[in-house]
Amino acid sequence: MSNHVYKQIVLTGTSKTSIEDAVNSALAKAAQSVRNLRWFEVTETRGHIEDQKLSQWQVTITVGFTLED
């Protein structure tokens, strides 16, 4: 394994069904424009409330990707 340098970005994904879907939503969107995604860390989890009920999960993640040589 060679040494890597990582850059980090912060994203918030949303989902009406689950925390996992919210993370996957953020990662899928990032993958459209960022190459070499390597890891993520969940930094915040919250929900949006409508009509006194949970209507949407909101998950903030830090995503690390390697820089190209």
PDB file of N, CA and C in Angstrom:
ATOM      1  N   MET A   1       0.848  -1.176   0.000  1.00  0.00           N
ATOM      2  CA  MET A   1       0.000   0.000   0.000  1.00  0.00           C
ATOM      3  C   MET A   1       0.893   1.238   0.000  1.00  0.00           C
ATOM      4  N   SER A   2       0.643   2.121  -0.919  1.00  0.00           N
ATOM      5  CA  SER A   2       1.422   3.345  -0.982  1.00  0.00           C
ATOM      6  C   SER A   2       0.815   4.406  -0.077  1.00  0.00           C
ATOM      7  N   ASN A   3       1.591   5.450   0.155  1.00  0.00           N
ATOM      8  CA  ASN A   3       1.085   6.561   0.952  1.00  0.00           C
ATOM      9  C   ASN A   3       0.070   7.352   0.150  1.00  0.00           C
ATOM     10  N   HIS A   4      -0.971   7.823   0.793  1.00  0.00           N
ATOM     11  CA  HIS A   4      -2.009   8.596   0.126  1.00  0.00           C
ATOM     12  C   HIS A   4      -2.180   9.940   0.810  1.00  0.00           C
ATOM     13  N   VAL A   5      -2.598  10.907   0.042  1.00  0.00           N
ATOM     14  CA  VAL A   5      -3.045  12.186   0.571  1.00  0.00           C
ATOM     15  C   VAL A   5      -4.531  12.268   0.273  1.00  0.00           C
ATOM     16  N   TYR A   6      -5.324  12.607   1.261  1.00  0.00           N
ATOM     17  CA  TYR A   6      -6.768  12.666   1.105  1.00  0.00           C
ATOM     18  C   TYR A   6      -7.261  14.099   1.195  1.00  0.00           C
ATOM     19  N   LYS A   7      -8.255  14.400   0.401  1.00  0.00           N
ATOM     20  CA  LYS A   7      -8.994  15.644   0.541  1.00  0.00           C
ATOM     21  C   LYS A   7     -10.355  15.259   1.097  1.00  0.00           C
ATOM     22  N   GLN A   8     -10.976  16.156   1.875  1.00  0.00           N
ATOM     23  CA  GLN A   8     -12.260  15.860   2.487  1.00  0.00           C
ATOM     24  C   GLN A   8     -13.300  16.884   2.060  1.00  0.00           C
ATOM     25  N   ILE A   9     -14.513  16.389   1.874  1.00  0.00           N
ATOM     26  CA  ILE A   9     -15.655  17.258   1.610  1.00  0.00           C
ATOM     27  C   ILE A   9     -16.772  16.882   2.577  1.00  0.00           C
ATOM     28  N   VAL A  10     -17.641  17.832   2.855  1.00  0.00           N
ATOM     29  CA  VAL A  10     -18.775  17.595   3.754  1.00  0.00           C
ATOM     30  C   VAL A  10     -20.055  17.651   2.931  1.00  0.00           C
ATOM     31  N   LEU A  11     -20.889  16.624   3.078  1.00  0.00           N
ATOM     32  CA  LEU A  11     -22.141  16.509   2.323  1.00  0.00           C
ATOM     33  C   LEU A  11     -23.275  16.167   3.278  1.00  0.00           C
ATOM     34  N   THR A  12     -24.493  16.547   2.914  1.00  0.00           N
ATOM     35  CA  THR A  12     -25.680  16.119   3.646  1.00  0.00           C
ATOM     36  C   THR A  12     -26.635  15.454   2.663  1.00  0.00           C
ATOM     37  N   GLY A  13     -26.913  14.183   2.900  1.00  0.00           N
ATOM     38  CA  GLY A  13     -27.867  13.440   2.084  1.00  0.00           C
ATOM     39  C   GLY A  13     -29.188  13.344   2.806  1.00  0.00           C
ATOM     40  N   THR A  14     -30.248  13.175   2.038  1.00  0.00           N
ATOM     41  CA  THR A  14     -31.585  13.065   2.631  1.00  0.00           C
ATOM     42  C   THR A  14     -32.308  11.840   2.095  1.00  0.00           C
ATOM     43  N   SER A  15     -33.244  11.351   2.885  1.00  0.00           N
ATOM     44  CA  SER A  15     -34.063  10.210   2.470  1.00  0.00           C
ATOM     45  C   SER A  15     -35.342  10.190   3.295  1.00  0.00           C
ATOM     46  N   LYS A  16     -36.407   9.788   2.670  1.00  0.00           N
ATOM     47  CA  LYS A  16     -37.679   9.620   3.382  1.00  0.00           C
ATOM     48  C   LYS A  16     -37.760   8.266   4.066  1.00  0.00           C
ATOM     49  N   THR A  17     -36.838   7.337   3.733  1.00  0.00           N
ATOM     50  CA  THR A  17     -36.965   5.983   4.252  1.00  0.00           C
ATOM     51  C   THR A  17     -35.961   5.594   5.325  1.00  0.00           C
ATOM     52  N   SER A  18     -34.671   6.021   5.191  1.00  0.00           N
ATOM     53  CA  SER A  18     -33.693   5.544   6.174  1.00  0.00           C
ATOM     54  C   SER A  18     -32.424   6.383   6.183  1.00  0.00           C
ATOM     55  N   ILE A  19     -31.685   6.219   7.261  1.00  0.00           N
ATOM     56  CA  ILE A  19     -30.379   6.870   7.375  1.00  0.00           C
ATOM     57  C   ILE A  19     -29.436   6.327   6.304  1.00  0.00           C
ATOM     58  N   GLU A  20     -29.447   5.019   6.114  1.00  0.00           N
ATOM     59  CA  GLU A  20     -28.577   4.388   5.108  1.00  0.00           C
ATOM     60  C   GLU A  20     -28.858   4.942   3.716  1.00  0.00           C
ATOM     61  N   ASP A  21     -30.115   5.104   3.368  1.00  0.00           N
ATOM     62  CA  ASP A  21     -30.458   5.670   2.061  1.00  0.00           C
ATOM     63  C   ASP A  21     -29.977   7.119   1.934  1.00  0.00           C
ATOM     64  N   ALA A  22     -30.005   7.863   3.025  1.00  0.00           N
ATOM     65  CA  ALA A  22     -29.519   9.240   2.999  1.00  0.00           C
ATOM     66  C   ALA A  22     -28.018   9.274   2.721  1.00  0.00           C
ATOM     67  N   VAL A  23     -27.267   8.371   3.347  1.00  0.00           N
ATOM     68  CA  VAL A  23     -25.821   8.277   3.093  1.00  0.00           C
ATOM     69  C   VAL A  23     -25.575   7.881   1.648  1.00  0.00           C
ATOM     70  N   ASN A  24     -26.288   6.867   1.180  1.00  0.00           N
ATOM     71  CA  ASN A  24     -26.112   6.415  -0.204  1.00  0.00           C
ATOM     72  C   ASN A  24     -26.456   7.511  -1.203  1.00  0.00           C
ATOM     73  N   SER A  25     -27.444   8.314  -0.897  1.00  0.00           N
ATOM     74  CA  SER A  25     -27.822   9.428  -1.766  1.00  0.00           C
ATOM     75  C   SER A  25     -26.679  10.433  -1.886  1.00  0.00           C
ATOM     76  N   ALA A  26     -26.072  10.780  -0.764  1.00  0.00           N
ATOM     77  CA  ALA A  26     -24.955  11.725  -0.778  1.00  0.00           C
ATOM     78  C   ALA A  26     -23.756  11.147  -1.523  1.00  0.00           C
ATOM     79  N   LEU A  27     -23.445   9.872  -1.290  1.00  0.00           N
ATOM     80  CA  LEU A  27     -22.306   9.248  -1.965  1.00  0.00           C
ATOM     81  C   LEU A  27     -22.535   9.128  -3.469  1.00  0.00           C
ATOM     82  N   ALA A  28     -23.742   8.788  -3.869  1.00  0.00           N
ATOM     83  CA  ALA A  28     -24.049   8.661  -5.295  1.00  0.00           C
ATOM     84  C   ALA A  28     -23.909  10.002  -6.005  1.00  0.00           C
ATOM     85  N   LYS A  29     -24.371  11.053  -5.377  1.00  0.00           N
ATOM     86  CA  LYS A  29     -24.255  12.386  -5.979  1.00  0.00           C
ATOM     87  C   LYS A  29     -22.790  12.800  -6.071  1.00  0.00           C
ATOM     88  N   ALA A  30     -22.024  12.564  -5.026  1.00  0.00           N
ATOM     89  CA  ALA A  30     -20.601  12.910  -5.033  1.00  0.00           C
ATOM     90  C   ALA A  30     -19.858  12.154  -6.122  1.00  0.00           C
ATOM     91  N   ALA A  31     -20.206  10.893  -6.316  1.00  0.00           N
ATOM     92  CA  ALA A  31     -19.529  10.059  -7.314  1.00  0.00           C
ATOM     93  C   ALA A  31     -19.727  10.564  -8.740  1.00  0.00           C
ATOM     94  N   GLN A  32     -20.729  11.393  -8.961  1.00  0.00           N
ATOM     95  CA  GLN A  32     -20.951  11.951 -10.294  1.00  0.00           C
ATOM     96  C   GLN A  32     -19.878  12.959 -10.686  1.00  0.00           C
ATOM     97  N   SER A  33     -19.234  13.572  -9.699  1.00  0.00           N
ATOM     98  CA  SER A  33     -18.252  14.611 -10.031  1.00  0.00           C
ATOM     99  C   SER A  33     -16.907  14.473  -9.317  1.00  0.00           C
ATOM    100  N   VAL A  34     -16.798  13.553  -8.370  1.00  0.00           N
ATOM    101  CA  VAL A  34     -15.553  13.375  -7.628  1.00  0.00           C
ATOM    102  C   VAL A  34     -15.054  11.950  -7.846  1.00  0.00           C
ATOM    103  N   ARG A  35     -13.779  11.832  -8.223  1.00  0.00           N
ATOM    104  CA  ARG A  35     -13.188  10.502  -8.420  1.00  0.00           C
ATOM    105  C   ARG A  35     -12.461  10.054  -7.152  1.00  0.00           C
ATOM    106  N   ASN A  36     -12.208   8.775  -7.079  1.00  0.00           N
ATOM    107  CA  ASN A  36     -11.370   8.174  -6.030  1.00  0.00           C
ATOM    108  C   ASN A  36     -11.946   8.309  -4.618  1.00  0.00           C
ATOM    109  N   LEU A  37     -13.277   8.207  -4.477  1.00  0.00           N
ATOM    110  CA  LEU A  37     -13.886   8.206  -3.145  1.00  0.00           C
ATOM    111  C   LEU A  37     -13.348   6.999  -2.381  1.00  0.00           C
ATOM    112  N   ARG A  38     -12.940   7.198  -1.120  1.00  0.00           N
ATOM    113  CA  ARG A  38     -12.321   6.109  -0.364  1.00  0.00           C
ATOM    114  C   ARG A  38     -13.011   5.791   0.955  1.00  0.00           C
ATOM    115  N   TRP A  39     -13.545   6.767   1.651  1.00  0.00           N
ATOM    116  CA  TRP A  39     -14.141   6.513   2.967  1.00  0.00           C
ATOM    117  C   TRP A  39     -15.130   7.620   3.301  1.00  0.00           C
ATOM    118  N   PHE A  40     -15.951   7.358   4.308  1.00  0.00           N
ATOM    119  CA  PHE A  40     -16.838   8.400   4.827  1.00  0.00           C
ATOM    120  C   PHE A  40     -17.000   8.219   6.327  1.00  0.00           C
ATOM    121  N   GLU A  41     -17.378   9.291   6.973  1.00  0.00           N
ATOM    122  CA  GLU A  41     -17.651   9.290   8.403  1.00  0.00           C
ATOM    123  C   GLU A  41     -18.952  10.050   8.632  1.00  0.00           C
ATOM    124  N   VAL A  42     -19.894   9.443   9.339  1.00  0.00           N
ATOM    125  CA  VAL A  42     -21.134  10.126   9.676  1.00  0.00           C
ATOM    126  C   VAL A  42     -20.825  11.099  10.811  1.00  0.00           C
ATOM    127  N   THR A  43     -21.102  12.368  10.583  1.00  0.00           N
ATOM    128  CA  THR A  43     -20.793  13.392  11.584  1.00  0.00           C
ATOM    129  C   THR A  43     -22.043  13.965  12.248  1.00  0.00           C
ATOM    130  N   GLU A  44     -23.188  13.780  11.600  1.00  0.00           N
ATOM    131  CA  GLU A  44     -24.424  14.334  12.169  1.00  0.00           C
ATOM    132  C   GLU A  44     -25.625  13.595  11.582  1.00  0.00           C
ATOM    133  N   THR A  45     -26.590  13.318  12.419  1.00  0.00           N
ATOM    134  CA  THR A  45     -27.831  12.696  11.972  1.00  0.00           C
ATOM    135  C   THR A  45     -28.987  13.490  12.564  1.00  0.00           C
ATOM    136  N   ARG A  46     -29.919  13.836  11.713  1.00  0.00           N
ATOM    137  CA  ARG A  46     -31.099  14.561  12.193  1.00  0.00           C
ATOM    138  C   ARG A  46     -32.274  14.218  11.284  1.00  0.00           C
ATOM    139  N   GLY A  47     -33.433  14.695  11.658  1.00  0.00           N
ATOM    140  CA  GLY A  47     -34.622  14.458  10.858  1.00  0.00           C
ATOM    141  C   GLY A  47     -35.438  15.724  10.688  1.00  0.00           C
ATOM    142  N   HIS A  48     -36.204  15.740   9.631  1.00  0.00           N
ATOM    143  CA  HIS A  48     -37.121  16.852   9.361  1.00  0.00           C
ATOM    144  C   HIS A  48     -38.518  16.400   9.774  1.00  0.00           C
ATOM    145  N   ILE A  49     -39.243  17.292  10.443  1.00  0.00           N
ATOM    146  CA  ILE A  49     -40.575  16.958  10.957  1.00  0.00           C
ATOM    147  C   ILE A  49     -41.629  17.746  10.188  1.00  0.00           C
ATOM    148  N   GLU A  50     -42.651  17.041   9.744  1.00  0.00           N
ATOM    149  CA  GLU A  50     -43.838  17.671   9.151  1.00  0.00           C
ATOM    150  C   GLU A  50     -45.067  17.017   9.757  1.00  0.00           C
ATOM    151  N   ASP A  51     -46.054  17.830  10.106  1.00  0.00           N
ATOM    152  CA  ASP A  51     -47.300  17.324  10.699  1.00  0.00           C
ATOM    153  C   ASP A  51     -47.022  16.415  11.898  1.00  0.00           C
ATOM    154  N   GLN A  52     -46.070  16.825  12.728  1.00  0.00           N
ATOM    155  CA  GLN A  52     -45.721  16.121  13.959  1.00  0.00           C
ATOM    156  C   GLN A  52     -45.151  14.719  13.723  1.00  0.00           C
ATOM    157  N   LYS A  53     -44.655  14.445  12.490  1.00  0.00           N
ATOM    158  CA  LYS A  53     -44.087  13.134  12.172  1.00  0.00           C
ATOM    159  C   LYS A  53     -42.770  13.312  11.436  1.00  0.00           C
ATOM    160  N   LEU A  54     -41.924  12.312  11.576  1.00  0.00           N
ATOM    161  CA  LEU A  54     -40.677  12.288  10.814  1.00  0.00           C
ATOM    162  C   LEU A  54     -41.002  12.227   9.326  1.00  0.00           C
ATOM    163  N   SER A  55     -40.500  13.183   8.576  1.00  0.00           N
ATOM    164  CA  SER A  55     -40.770  13.160   7.140  1.00  0.00           C
ATOM    165  C   SER A  55     -39.521  12.884   6.315  1.00  0.00           C
ATOM    166  N   GLN A  56     -38.342  13.136   6.904  1.00  0.00           N
ATOM    167  CA  GLN A  56     -37.123  12.942   6.122  1.00  0.00           C
ATOM    168  C   GLN A  56     -35.907  12.858   7.036  1.00  0.00           C
ATOM    169  N   TRP A  57     -35.039  11.875   6.756  1.00  0.00           N
ATOM    170  CA  TRP A  57     -33.754  11.781   7.429  1.00  0.00           C
ATOM    171  C   TRP A  57     -32.769  12.710   6.740  1.00  0.00           C
ATOM    172  N   GLN A  58     -31.900  13.337   7.527  1.00  0.00           N
ATOM    173  CA  GLN A  58     -30.827  14.185   7.007  1.00  0.00           C
ATOM    174  C   GLN A  58     -29.536  13.726   7.677  1.00  0.00           C
ATOM    175  N   VAL A  59     -28.592  13.256   6.887  1.00  0.00           N
ATOM    176  CA  VAL A  59     -27.340  12.723   7.431  1.00  0.00           C
ATOM    177  C   VAL A  59     -26.165  13.488   6.822  1.00  0.00           C
ATOM    178  N   THR A  60     -25.363  14.083   7.680  1.00  0.00           N
ATOM    179  CA  THR A  60     -24.171  14.793   7.227  1.00  0.00           C
ATOM    180  C   THR A  60     -22.979  13.856   7.351  1.00  0.00           C
ATOM    181  N   ILE A  61     -22.197  13.784   6.270  1.00  0.00           N
ATOM    182  CA  ILE A  61     -21.021  12.920   6.236  1.00  0.00           C
ATOM    183  C   ILE A  61     -19.811  13.719   5.762  1.00  0.00           C
ATOM    184  N   THR A  62     -18.656  13.317   6.244  1.00  0.00           N
ATOM    185  CA  THR A  62     -17.393  13.785   5.694  1.00  0.00           C
ATOM    186  C   THR A  62     -16.889  12.671   4.802  1.00  0.00           C
ATOM    187  N   VAL A  63     -16.551  12.995   3.568  1.00  0.00           N
ATOM    188  CA  VAL A  63     -16.102  12.002   2.597  1.00  0.00           C
ATOM    189  C   VAL A  63     -14.655  12.290   2.252  1.00  0.00           C
ATOM    190  N   GLY A  64     -13.818  11.234   2.275  1.00  0.00           N
ATOM    191  CA  GLY A  64     -12.423  11.376   1.901  1.00  0.00           C
ATOM    192  C   GLY A  64     -12.181  10.771   0.533  1.00  0.00           C
ATOM    193  N   PHE A  65     -11.382  11.448  -0.263  1.00  0.00           N
ATOM    194  CA  PHE A  65     -10.993  10.905  -1.560  1.00  0.00           C
ATOM    195  C   PHE A  65      -9.515  11.180  -1.783  1.00  0.00           C
ATOM    196  N   THR A  66      -8.881  10.309  -2.559  1.00  0.00           N
ATOM    197  CA  THR A  66      -7.448  10.478  -2.810  1.00  0.00           C
ATOM    198  C   THR A  66      -7.237  11.445  -3.947  1.00  0.00           C
ATOM    199  N   LEU A  67      -6.170  12.211  -3.819  1.00  0.00           N
ATOM    200  CA  LEU A  67      -5.787  13.137  -4.878  1.00  0.00           C
ATOM    201  C   LEU A  67      -4.959  12.379  -5.911  1.00  0.00           C
ATOM    202  N   GLU A  68      -5.115  12.761  -7.153  1.00  0.00           N
ATOM    203  CA  GLU A  68      -4.365  12.094  -8.211  1.00  0.00           C
ATOM    204  C   GLU A  68      -2.946  12.653  -8.302  1.00  0.00           C
ATOM    205  N   ASP A  69      -2.033  11.797  -8.719  1.00  0.00           N
ATOM    206  CA  ASP A  69      -0.640  12.239  -8.888  1.00  0.00           C
ATOM    207  C   ASP A  69      -0.482  13.162 -10.059  1.00  0.00           C
TER     208      ASP A  69
END
